[in-house]
Amino acid sequence: MNSWLFPPRTTEVQFDEKWSFVDRKEKNCAPDEVRRGDCWDHTAIDPETRLIVSLVVGKRTSESVSAVVRDFHQRTGGRVLRLITSDELPAYPEAIRAAYGTTVTPPPTGRPGRPPGPRTVLPPEVTYATVHKVRENGRVVQVDTRVVFGTMLAVALALTVSTVSRVVNTCFVERHNGTDRNRCSRKVRKTYAFSKDWETHRAATMLSHYSYNFCWPVRTLRVRDADGRWQKRTPAMATGLTDHVWSVSEWMTYPAVQRK
């Protein structure tokens, strides 16, 4: 398994979902047309390095949310991160509990009645907060945050050591949503360039997201060299996975399986 699957510098994560559609809008689809209509990118991003760690393309369901959280948990080696943030989609708390928790079976009490069944217990280090946006006339007028798992103190400590955030937010994954719409024209809003085939849409999404890691220099990641000149960096460079900006050709032809 490639080492990039376990980014050692990933200490925070932001989850979000981005809407698009395939062939036609959801309201025009029959109930059995599961490969048409709304299609969502469920994304997990490291806000400090902008690395796209996990991506699940599909309907906006609890199964998709569980899949992206589970995939992120596996790719980061099961490490408990300083801070997990997302919007208020109800599927996230249970998905996080299932991915990071352990099953505990209480011992028999010796009392009459049915014994307590097994339950999933989260490690106390898991810290998860959500962002709720209040809109009026289509504009965000207020942002509220809520701590779901962990404590306010743990959230404050995580924000103190973060290199990019001072408040609970999902702005980094949302900013990438805008970048991806620009890079993948089939997701631009109010356009005729929408996808006509589900698998093609999924493939284009995967290509756009993961080439971003290695081939797309992010302006806010640039650093000055010894001569004071700005050096471009991609998320993969910021994470330590590579030492240069890859061309699309280099990325596309790189062997997916490394044989010794």
C-alpha atoms as a PDB file:
ATOM      1  CA  MET A   1       0.000   0.000   0.000  1.00  0.00           C
ATOM      2  CA  ASN A   2       1.370   3.424  -0.933  1.00  0.00           C
ATOM      3  CA  SER A   3       2.609   5.587   1.929  1.00  0.00           C
ATOM      4  CA  TRP A   4       0.429   8.534   0.862  1.00  0.00           C
ATOM      5  CA  LEU A   5      -2.577   6.604   2.098  1.00  0.00           C
ATOM      6  CA  PHE A   6      -1.473   7.443   5.643  1.00  0.00           C
ATOM      7  CA  PRO A   7      -0.487  11.152   5.641  1.00  0.00           C
ATOM      8  CA  PRO A   8       1.547  11.499   8.853  1.00  0.00           C
ATOM      9  CA  ARG A   9       0.979  15.251   9.125  1.00  0.00           C
ATOM     10  CA  THR A  10      -2.812  15.083   8.995  1.00  0.00           C
ATOM     11  CA  THR A  11      -4.004  16.267  12.404  1.00  0.00           C
ATOM     12  CA  GLU A  12      -7.329  17.881  11.475  1.00  0.00           C
ATOM     13  CA  VAL A  13     -10.072  17.056   8.995  1.00  0.00           C
ATOM     14  CA  GLN A  14     -13.026  18.855   7.486  1.00  0.00           C
ATOM     15  CA  PHE A  15     -15.894  16.907   5.894  1.00  0.00           C
ATOM     16  CA  ASP A  16     -18.396  18.309   3.427  1.00  0.00           C
ATOM     17  CA  GLU A  17     -20.679  17.363   0.522  1.00  0.00           C
ATOM     18  CA  LYS A  18     -20.854  19.112  -2.847  1.00  0.00           C
ATOM     19  CA  TRP A  19     -23.920  18.824  -5.074  1.00  0.00           C
ATOM     20  CA  SER A  20     -24.028  18.132  -8.787  1.00  0.00           C
ATOM     21  CA  PHE A  21     -26.301  16.055 -10.999  1.00  0.00           C
ATOM     22  CA  VAL A  22     -26.134  13.490 -13.774  1.00  0.00           C
ATOM     23  CA  ASP A  23     -28.368  13.507 -16.868  1.00  0.00           C
ATOM     24  CA  ARG A  24     -31.265  15.344 -15.195  1.00  0.00           C
ATOM     25  CA  LYS A  25     -32.314  17.001 -11.954  1.00  0.00           C
ATOM     26  CA  GLU A  26     -33.524  14.741  -9.145  1.00  0.00           C
ATOM     27  CA  LYS A  27     -37.072  16.065  -9.365  1.00  0.00           C
ATOM     28  CA  ASN A  28     -37.303  14.750 -12.931  1.00  0.00           C
ATOM     29  CA  CYS A  29     -36.097  11.221 -12.082  1.00  0.00           C
ATOM     30  CA  ALA A  30     -38.213   8.151 -11.456  1.00  0.00           C
ATOM     31  CA  PRO A  31     -37.771   6.472  -8.045  1.00  0.00           C
ATOM     32  CA  ASP A  32     -35.842   3.565  -9.587  1.00  0.00           C
ATOM     33  CA  GLU A  33     -33.348   5.783 -11.472  1.00  0.00           C
ATOM     34  CA  VAL A  34     -30.570   5.536  -8.906  1.00  0.00           C
ATOM     35  CA  ARG A  35     -27.800   6.396 -11.394  1.00  0.00           C
ATOM     36  CA  ARG A  36     -29.366   9.668 -12.484  1.00  0.00           C
ATOM     37  CA  GLY A  37     -30.234  12.852 -10.679  1.00  0.00           C
ATOM     38  CA  ASP A  38     -28.430  14.300  -7.676  1.00  0.00           C
ATOM     39  CA  CYS A  39     -24.828  13.182  -7.237  1.00  0.00           C
ATOM     40  CA  TRP A  40     -22.733  14.385  -4.305  1.00  0.00           C
ATOM     41  CA  ASP A  41     -18.992  14.548  -3.686  1.00  0.00           C
ATOM     42  CA  HIS A  42     -18.390  13.549  -0.046  1.00  0.00           C
ATOM     43  CA  THR A  43     -14.948  14.952   0.670  1.00  0.00           C
ATOM     44  CA  ALA A  44     -12.471  14.803   3.556  1.00  0.00           C
ATOM     45  CA  ILE A  45      -9.710  17.432   3.442  1.00  0.00           C
ATOM     46  CA  ASP A  46      -6.759  18.241   5.674  1.00  0.00           C
ATOM     47  CA  PRO A  47      -7.168  22.014   6.234  1.00  0.00           C
ATOM     48  CA  GLU A  48      -3.496  22.595   7.082  1.00  0.00           C
ATOM     49  CA  THR A  49      -2.070  21.055   3.895  1.00  0.00           C
ATOM     50  CA  ARG A  50      -5.245  21.162   1.714  1.00  0.00           C
ATOM     51  CA  LEU A  51      -4.707  17.452   0.957  1.00  0.00           C
ATOM     52  CA  ILE A  52      -7.771  15.577  -0.297  1.00  0.00           C
ATOM     53  CA  VAL A  53      -7.548  12.428   1.797  1.00  0.00           C
ATOM     54  CA  SER A  54     -10.859  10.699   0.996  1.00  0.00           C
ATOM     55  CA  LEU A  55     -13.639  11.002  -1.550  1.00  0.00           C
ATOM     56  CA  VAL A  56     -16.919   9.152  -2.045  1.00  0.00           C
ATOM     57  CA  VAL A  57     -19.120   9.985  -5.035  1.00  0.00           C
ATOM     58  CA  GLY A  58     -22.792   9.074  -4.831  1.00  0.00           C
ATOM     59  CA  LYS A  59     -26.160   9.907  -3.353  1.00  0.00           C
ATOM     60  CA  ARG A  60     -26.258  11.996  -0.196  1.00  0.00           C
ATOM     61  CA  THR A  61     -27.091   9.149   2.160  1.00  0.00           C
ATOM     62  CA  SER A  62     -25.913   7.885   5.527  1.00  0.00           C
ATOM     63  CA  GLU A  63     -24.134   5.062   3.659  1.00  0.00           C
ATOM     64  CA  SER A  64     -22.063   7.552   1.650  1.00  0.00           C
ATOM     65  CA  VAL A  65     -21.211   9.541   4.780  1.00  0.00           C
ATOM     66  CA  SER A  66     -20.203   6.365   6.619  1.00  0.00           C
ATOM     67  CA  ALA A  67     -18.065   5.327   3.649  1.00  0.00           C
ATOM     68  CA  VAL A  68     -16.080   8.583   3.498  1.00  0.00           C
ATOM     69  CA  VAL A  69     -15.530   8.674   7.283  1.00  0.00           C
ATOM     70  CA  ARG A  70     -14.502   5.023   7.320  1.00  0.00           C
ATOM     71  CA  ASP A  71     -12.146   5.533   4.372  1.00  0.00           C
ATOM     72  CA  PHE A  72     -10.534   8.540   6.058  1.00  0.00           C
ATOM     73  CA  HIS A  73     -10.111   6.562   9.261  1.00  0.00           C
ATOM     74  CA  GLN A  74      -8.344   3.774   7.355  1.00  0.00           C
ATOM     75  CA  ARG A  75      -6.121   6.081   5.297  1.00  0.00           C
ATOM     76  CA  THR A  76      -4.883   7.862   8.421  1.00  0.00           C
ATOM     77  CA  GLY A  77      -4.101   4.613  10.206  1.00  0.00           C
ATOM     78  CA  GLY A  78      -6.938   4.950  12.711  1.00  0.00           C
ATOM     79  CA  ARG A  79      -5.236   7.861  14.489  1.00  0.00           C
ATOM     80  CA  VAL A  80      -7.450  10.136  16.580  1.00  0.00           C
ATOM     81  CA  LEU A  81      -7.139  13.666  15.192  1.00  0.00           C
ATOM     82  CA  ARG A  82      -7.085  16.921  17.105  1.00  0.00           C
ATOM     83  CA  LEU A  83     -10.306  18.176  15.547  1.00  0.00           C
ATOM     84  CA  ILE A  84     -13.019  16.911  13.207  1.00  0.00           C
ATOM     85  CA  THR A  85     -15.478  19.407  11.711  1.00  0.00           C
ATOM     86  CA  SER A  86     -18.414  19.189   9.311  1.00  0.00           C
ATOM     87  CA  ASP A  87     -21.803  20.684   8.608  1.00  0.00           C
ATOM     88  CA  GLU A  88     -24.845  19.521  10.574  1.00  0.00           C
ATOM     89  CA  LEU A  89     -25.759  16.562   8.360  1.00  0.00           C
ATOM     90  CA  PRO A  90     -27.218  14.106  10.923  1.00  0.00           C
ATOM     91  CA  ALA A  91     -25.323  11.102   9.517  1.00  0.00           C
ATOM     92  CA  TYR A  92     -21.879  12.319  10.641  1.00  0.00           C
ATOM     93  CA  PRO A  93     -22.052  11.660  14.411  1.00  0.00           C
ATOM     94  CA  GLU A  94     -23.030   8.029  13.969  1.00  0.00           C
ATOM     95  CA  ALA A  95     -20.459   7.546  11.191  1.00  0.00           C
ATOM     96  CA  ILE A  96     -17.704   8.967  13.416  1.00  0.00           C
ATOM     97  CA  ARG A  97     -18.845   6.843  16.334  1.00  0.00           C
ATOM     98  CA  ALA A  98     -18.783   3.700  14.174  1.00  0.00           C
ATOM     99  CA  ALA A  99     -15.328   4.469  12.710  1.00  0.00           C
ATOM    100  CA  TYR A 100     -13.502   5.587  15.854  1.00  0.00           C
ATOM    101  CA  GLY A 101     -15.427   3.815  18.592  1.00  0.00           C
ATOM    102  CA  THR A 102     -14.949   0.404  20.134  1.00  0.00           C
ATOM    103  CA  THR A 103     -17.666  -2.073  21.078  1.00  0.00           C
ATOM    104  CA  VAL A 104     -18.010  -2.576  24.825  1.00  0.00           C
ATOM    105  CA  THR A 105     -20.162  -5.288  26.413  1.00  0.00           C
ATOM    106  CA  PRO A 106     -21.111  -4.441  30.013  1.00  0.00           C
ATOM    107  CA  PRO A 107     -20.550  -7.278  32.497  1.00  0.00           C
ATOM    108  CA  PRO A 108     -23.617  -9.042  33.942  1.00  0.00           C
ATOM    109  CA  THR A 109     -25.143  -7.204  36.862  1.00  0.00           C
ATOM    110  CA  GLY A 110     -26.686 -10.274  38.495  1.00  0.00           C
ATOM    111  CA  ARG A 111     -30.032  -8.531  38.660  1.00  0.00           C
ATOM    112  CA  PRO A 112     -33.267  -9.822  37.135  1.00  0.00           C
ATOM    113  CA  GLY A 113     -34.177  -8.727  33.653  1.00  0.00           C
ATOM    114  CA  ARG A 114     -32.484  -8.492  30.309  1.00  0.00           C
ATOM    115  CA  PRO A 115     -28.744  -7.732  30.614  1.00  0.00           C
ATOM    116  CA  PRO A 116     -27.439  -4.572  28.919  1.00  0.00           C
ATOM    117  CA  GLY A 117     -26.342  -5.154  25.340  1.00  0.00           C
ATOM    118  CA  PRO A 118     -23.081  -4.102  23.693  1.00  0.00           C
ATOM    119  CA  ARG A 119     -22.593  -0.439  22.896  1.00  0.00           C
ATOM    120  CA  THR A 120     -20.090   1.645  20.950  1.00  0.00           C
ATOM    121  CA  VAL A 121     -17.858   3.866  23.072  1.00  0.00           C
ATOM    122  CA  LEU A 122     -15.764   6.699  21.647  1.00  0.00           C
ATOM    123  CA  PRO A 123     -12.264   7.427  22.952  1.00  0.00           C
ATOM    124  CA  PRO A 124     -12.331  10.599  25.071  1.00  0.00           C
ATOM    125  CA  GLU A 125      -9.774  12.182  22.707  1.00  0.00           C
ATOM    126  CA  VAL A 126     -12.256  12.337  19.810  1.00  0.00           C
ATOM    127  CA  THR A 127     -13.238  15.980  19.302  1.00  0.00           C
ATOM    128  CA  TYR A 128     -15.952  16.761  16.776  1.00  0.00           C
ATOM    129  CA  ALA A 129     -17.733  20.071  16.173  1.00  0.00           C
ATOM    130  CA  THR A 130     -20.284  21.205  13.607  1.00  0.00           C
ATOM    131  CA  VAL A 131     -20.973  24.439  11.757  1.00  0.00           C
ATOM    132  CA  HIS A 132     -24.499  25.772  11.251  1.00  0.00           C
ATOM    133  CA  LYS A 133     -25.088  28.664   8.847  1.00  0.00           C
ATOM    134  CA  VAL A 134     -28.111  30.908   9.206  1.00  0.00           C
ATOM    135  CA  ARG A 135     -29.222  32.344   5.862  1.00  0.00           C
ATOM    136  CA  GLU A 136     -31.519  35.202   4.952  1.00  0.00           C
ATOM    137  CA  ASN A 137     -32.410  35.895   1.327  1.00  0.00           C
ATOM    138  CA  GLY A 138     -29.771  33.437   0.215  1.00  0.00           C
ATOM    139  CA  ARG A 139     -26.937  35.077   2.186  1.00  0.00           C
ATOM    140  CA  VAL A 140     -25.180  33.808   5.311  1.00  0.00           C
ATOM    141  CA  VAL A 141     -25.911  36.208   8.156  1.00  0.00           C
ATOM    142  CA  GLN A 142     -24.761  34.125  11.113  1.00  0.00           C
ATOM    143  CA  VAL A 143     -22.581  31.080  11.796  1.00  0.00           C
ATOM    144  CA  ASP A 144     -23.162  28.944  14.888  1.00  0.00           C
ATOM    145  CA  THR A 145     -20.946  26.105  16.101  1.00  0.00           C
ATOM    146  CA  ARG A 146     -21.699  23.155  18.322  1.00  0.00           C
ATOM    147  CA  VAL A 147     -19.444  20.630  20.046  1.00  0.00           C
ATOM    148  CA  VAL A 148     -20.843  17.126  19.457  1.00  0.00           C
ATOM    149  CA  PHE A 149     -18.040  14.922  20.809  1.00  0.00           C
ATOM    150  CA  GLY A 150     -15.402  16.106  23.260  1.00  0.00           C
ATOM    151  CA  THR A 151     -15.358  19.305  25.257  1.00  0.00           C
ATOM    152  CA  MET A 152     -15.140  23.024  24.593  1.00  0.00           C
ATOM    153  CA  LEU A 153     -11.692  22.961  26.206  1.00  0.00           C
ATOM    154  CA  ALA A 154     -10.497  20.282  23.765  1.00  0.00           C
ATOM    155  CA  VAL A 155     -11.813  22.322  20.833  1.00  0.00           C
ATOM    156  CA  ALA A 156     -10.099  25.457  22.144  1.00  0.00           C
ATOM    157  CA  LEU A 157      -6.799  23.602  22.535  1.00  0.00           C
ATOM    158  CA  ALA A 158      -7.069  22.189  19.011  1.00  0.00           C
ATOM    159  CA  LEU A 159      -7.658  25.662  17.595  1.00  0.00           C
ATOM    160  CA  THR A 160      -4.764  27.068  19.599  1.00  0.00           C
ATOM    161  CA  VAL A 161      -2.219  24.715  17.997  1.00  0.00           C
ATOM    162  CA  SER A 162      -3.804  24.812  14.534  1.00  0.00           C
ATOM    163  CA  THR A 163      -1.748  26.654  11.920  1.00  0.00           C
ATOM    164  CA  VAL A 164      -4.788  27.748   9.894  1.00  0.00           C
ATOM    165  CA  SER A 165      -7.892  28.040  12.086  1.00  0.00           C
ATOM    166  CA  ARG A 166      -8.868  30.152  15.063  1.00  0.00           C
ATOM    167  CA  VAL A 167     -12.539  29.228  15.069  1.00  0.00           C
ATOM    168  CA  VAL A 168     -14.492  26.092  14.201  1.00  0.00           C
ATOM    169  CA  ASN A 169     -15.125  26.217  10.447  1.00  0.00           C
ATOM    170  CA  THR A 170     -15.463  24.278   7.210  1.00  0.00           C
ATOM    171  CA  CYS A 171     -14.100  27.051   5.000  1.00  0.00           C
ATOM    172  CA  PHE A 172     -11.151  25.057   3.642  1.00  0.00           C
ATOM    173  CA  VAL A 173     -13.225  22.205   2.272  1.00  0.00           C
ATOM    174  CA  GLU A 174     -15.798  24.701   0.990  1.00  0.00           C
ATOM    175  CA  ARG A 175     -13.047  26.662  -0.760  1.00  0.00           C
ATOM    176  CA  HIS A 176     -11.940  23.457  -2.438  1.00  0.00           C
ATOM    177  CA  ASN A 177     -15.535  22.922  -3.569  1.00  0.00           C
ATOM    178  CA  GLY A 178     -15.271  26.155  -5.545  1.00  0.00           C
ATOM    179  CA  THR A 179     -11.875  25.173  -6.949  1.00  0.00           C
ATOM    180  CA  ASP A 180     -13.200  21.804  -8.056  1.00  0.00           C
ATOM    181  CA  ARG A 181     -16.202  23.360  -9.807  1.00  0.00           C
ATOM    182  CA  ASN A 182     -13.746  25.517 -11.742  1.00  0.00           C
ATOM    183  CA  ARG A 183     -11.465  22.571 -12.572  1.00  0.00           C
ATOM    184  CA  CYS A 184     -14.298  20.197 -13.521  1.00  0.00           C
ATOM    185  CA  SER A 185     -16.684  22.151 -15.766  1.00  0.00           C
ATOM    186  CA  ARG A 186     -19.442  19.532 -15.580  1.00  0.00           C
ATOM    187  CA  LYS A 187     -20.071  20.745 -12.002  1.00  0.00           C
ATOM    188  CA  VAL A 188     -20.435  24.445 -12.810  1.00  0.00           C
ATOM    189  CA  ARG A 189     -23.854  25.637 -11.751  1.00  0.00           C
ATOM    190  CA  LYS A 190     -26.448  26.586 -14.402  1.00  0.00           C
ATOM    191  CA  THR A 191     -24.627  25.077 -17.364  1.00  0.00           C
ATOM    192  CA  TYR A 192     -25.294  22.682 -20.231  1.00  0.00           C
ATOM    193  CA  ALA A 193     -21.966  20.924 -19.561  1.00  0.00           C
ATOM    194  CA  PHE A 194     -23.450  18.589 -16.940  1.00  0.00           C
ATOM    195  CA  SER A 195     -22.600  14.883 -16.970  1.00  0.00           C
ATOM    196  CA  LYS A 196     -24.765  12.496 -18.973  1.00  0.00           C
ATOM    197  CA  ASP A 197     -23.335   9.231 -17.597  1.00  0.00           C
ATOM    198  CA  TRP A 198     -22.920   8.234 -13.930  1.00  0.00           C
ATOM    199  CA  GLU A 199     -19.616   6.356 -14.285  1.00  0.00           C
ATOM    200  CA  THR A 200     -18.104   9.094 -16.446  1.00  0.00           C
ATOM    201  CA  HIS A 201     -19.092  11.652 -13.839  1.00  0.00           C
ATOM    202  CA  ARG A 202     -17.532   9.583 -11.064  1.00  0.00           C
ATOM    203  CA  ALA A 203     -14.313   9.099 -13.044  1.00  0.00           C
ATOM    204  CA  ALA A 204     -14.039  12.816 -13.824  1.00  0.00           C
ATOM    205  CA  THR A 205     -14.573  13.611 -10.144  1.00  0.00           C
ATOM    206  CA  MET A 206     -11.840  11.229  -9.033  1.00  0.00           C
ATOM    207  CA  LEU A 207      -9.465  12.654 -11.649  1.00  0.00           C
ATOM    208  CA  SER A 208     -10.154  16.242 -10.608  1.00  0.00           C
ATOM    209  CA  HIS A 209      -9.862  15.633  -6.870  1.00  0.00           C
ATOM    210  CA  TYR A 210      -6.760  13.482  -6.705  1.00  0.00           C
ATOM    211  CA  SER A 211      -4.764  15.257  -9.433  1.00  0.00           C
ATOM    212  CA  TYR A 212      -5.341  18.371  -7.317  1.00  0.00           C
ATOM    213  CA  ASN A 213      -3.147  16.831  -4.604  1.00  0.00           C
ATOM    214  CA  PHE A 214      -0.072  16.516  -6.811  1.00  0.00           C
ATOM    215  CA  CYS A 215      -0.557  18.813  -9.816  1.00  0.00           C
ATOM    216  CA  TRP A 216      -2.303  21.953  -8.504  1.00  0.00           C
ATOM    217  CA  PRO A 217      -0.098  24.527  -6.694  1.00  0.00           C
ATOM    218  CA  VAL A 218      -2.111  26.260  -3.991  1.00  0.00           C
ATOM    219  CA  ARG A 219      -1.242  29.940  -3.598  1.00  0.00           C
ATOM    220  CA  THR A 220      -1.554  29.949   0.193  1.00  0.00           C
ATOM    221  CA  LEU A 221       0.864  27.003   0.489  1.00  0.00           C
ATOM    222  CA  ARG A 222       3.774  28.746  -1.238  1.00  0.00           C
ATOM    223  CA  VAL A 223       6.956  29.413   0.735  1.00  0.00           C
ATOM    224  CA  ARG A 224      10.035  31.571   0.222  1.00  0.00           C
ATOM    225  CA  ASP A 225      13.330  29.906  -0.624  1.00  0.00           C
ATOM    226  CA  ALA A 226      16.785  30.944   0.584  1.00  0.00           C
ATOM    227  CA  ASP A 227      16.905  33.664  -2.079  1.00  0.00           C
ATOM    228  CA  GLY A 228      13.566  35.117  -1.022  1.00  0.00           C
ATOM    229  CA  ARG A 229      11.702  33.904  -4.091  1.00  0.00           C
ATOM    230  CA  TRP A 230       8.288  32.320  -3.818  1.00  0.00           C
ATOM    231  CA  GLN A 231       8.247  28.559  -4.418  1.00  0.00           C
ATOM    232  CA  LYS A 232       4.969  26.953  -5.454  1.00  0.00           C
ATOM    233  CA  ARG A 233       3.707  23.977  -3.464  1.00  0.00           C
ATOM    234  CA  THR A 234       0.930  21.447  -3.941  1.00  0.00           C
ATOM    235  CA  PRO A 235      -0.946  19.749  -1.082  1.00  0.00           C
ATOM    236  CA  ALA A 236       1.210  16.645  -1.611  1.00  0.00           C
ATOM    237  CA  MET A 237       4.349  18.758  -1.210  1.00  0.00           C
ATOM    238  CA  ALA A 238       2.993  20.407   1.930  1.00  0.00           C
ATOM    239  CA  THR A 239       2.250  16.969   3.372  1.00  0.00           C
ATOM    240  CA  GLY A 240       5.728  15.669   2.532  1.00  0.00           C
ATOM    241  CA  LEU A 241       4.594  13.123  -0.039  1.00  0.00           C
ATOM    242  CA  THR A 242       6.653  14.608  -2.875  1.00  0.00           C
ATOM    243  CA  ASP A 243       9.246  17.325  -3.491  1.00  0.00           C
ATOM    244  CA  HIS A 244       7.975  18.880  -6.737  1.00  0.00           C
ATOM    245  CA  VAL A 245       4.875  19.905  -8.650  1.00  0.00           C
ATOM    246  CA  TRP A 246       3.840  16.969 -10.812  1.00  0.00           C
ATOM    247  CA  SER A 247       2.651  17.384 -14.378  1.00  0.00           C
ATOM    248  CA  VAL A 248      -0.643  15.717 -15.244  1.00  0.00           C
ATOM    249  CA  SER A 249       1.293  13.399 -17.554  1.00  0.00           C
ATOM    250  CA  GLU A 250       3.610  12.335 -14.729  1.00  0.00           C
ATOM    251  CA  TRP A 251       0.689  11.753 -12.388  1.00  0.00           C
ATOM    252  CA  MET A 252      -1.358   9.811 -14.946  1.00  0.00           C
ATOM    253  CA  THR A 253       1.519   7.488 -15.886  1.00  0.00           C
ATOM    254  CA  TYR A 254       2.809   6.845 -12.369  1.00  0.00           C
ATOM    255  CA  PRO A 255       2.404   3.124 -11.533  1.00  0.00           C
ATOM    256  CA  ALA A 256      -0.478   2.536  -9.165  1.00  0.00           C
ATOM    257  CA  VAL A 257       1.272  -0.568  -7.788  1.00  0.00           C
ATOM    258  CA  GLN A 258       4.934  -0.371  -6.812  1.00  0.00           C
ATOM    259  CA  ARG A 259       6.787  -3.642  -7.335  1.00  0.00           C
ATOM    260  CA  LYS A 260      10.122  -4.273  -5.658  1.00  0.00           C
END
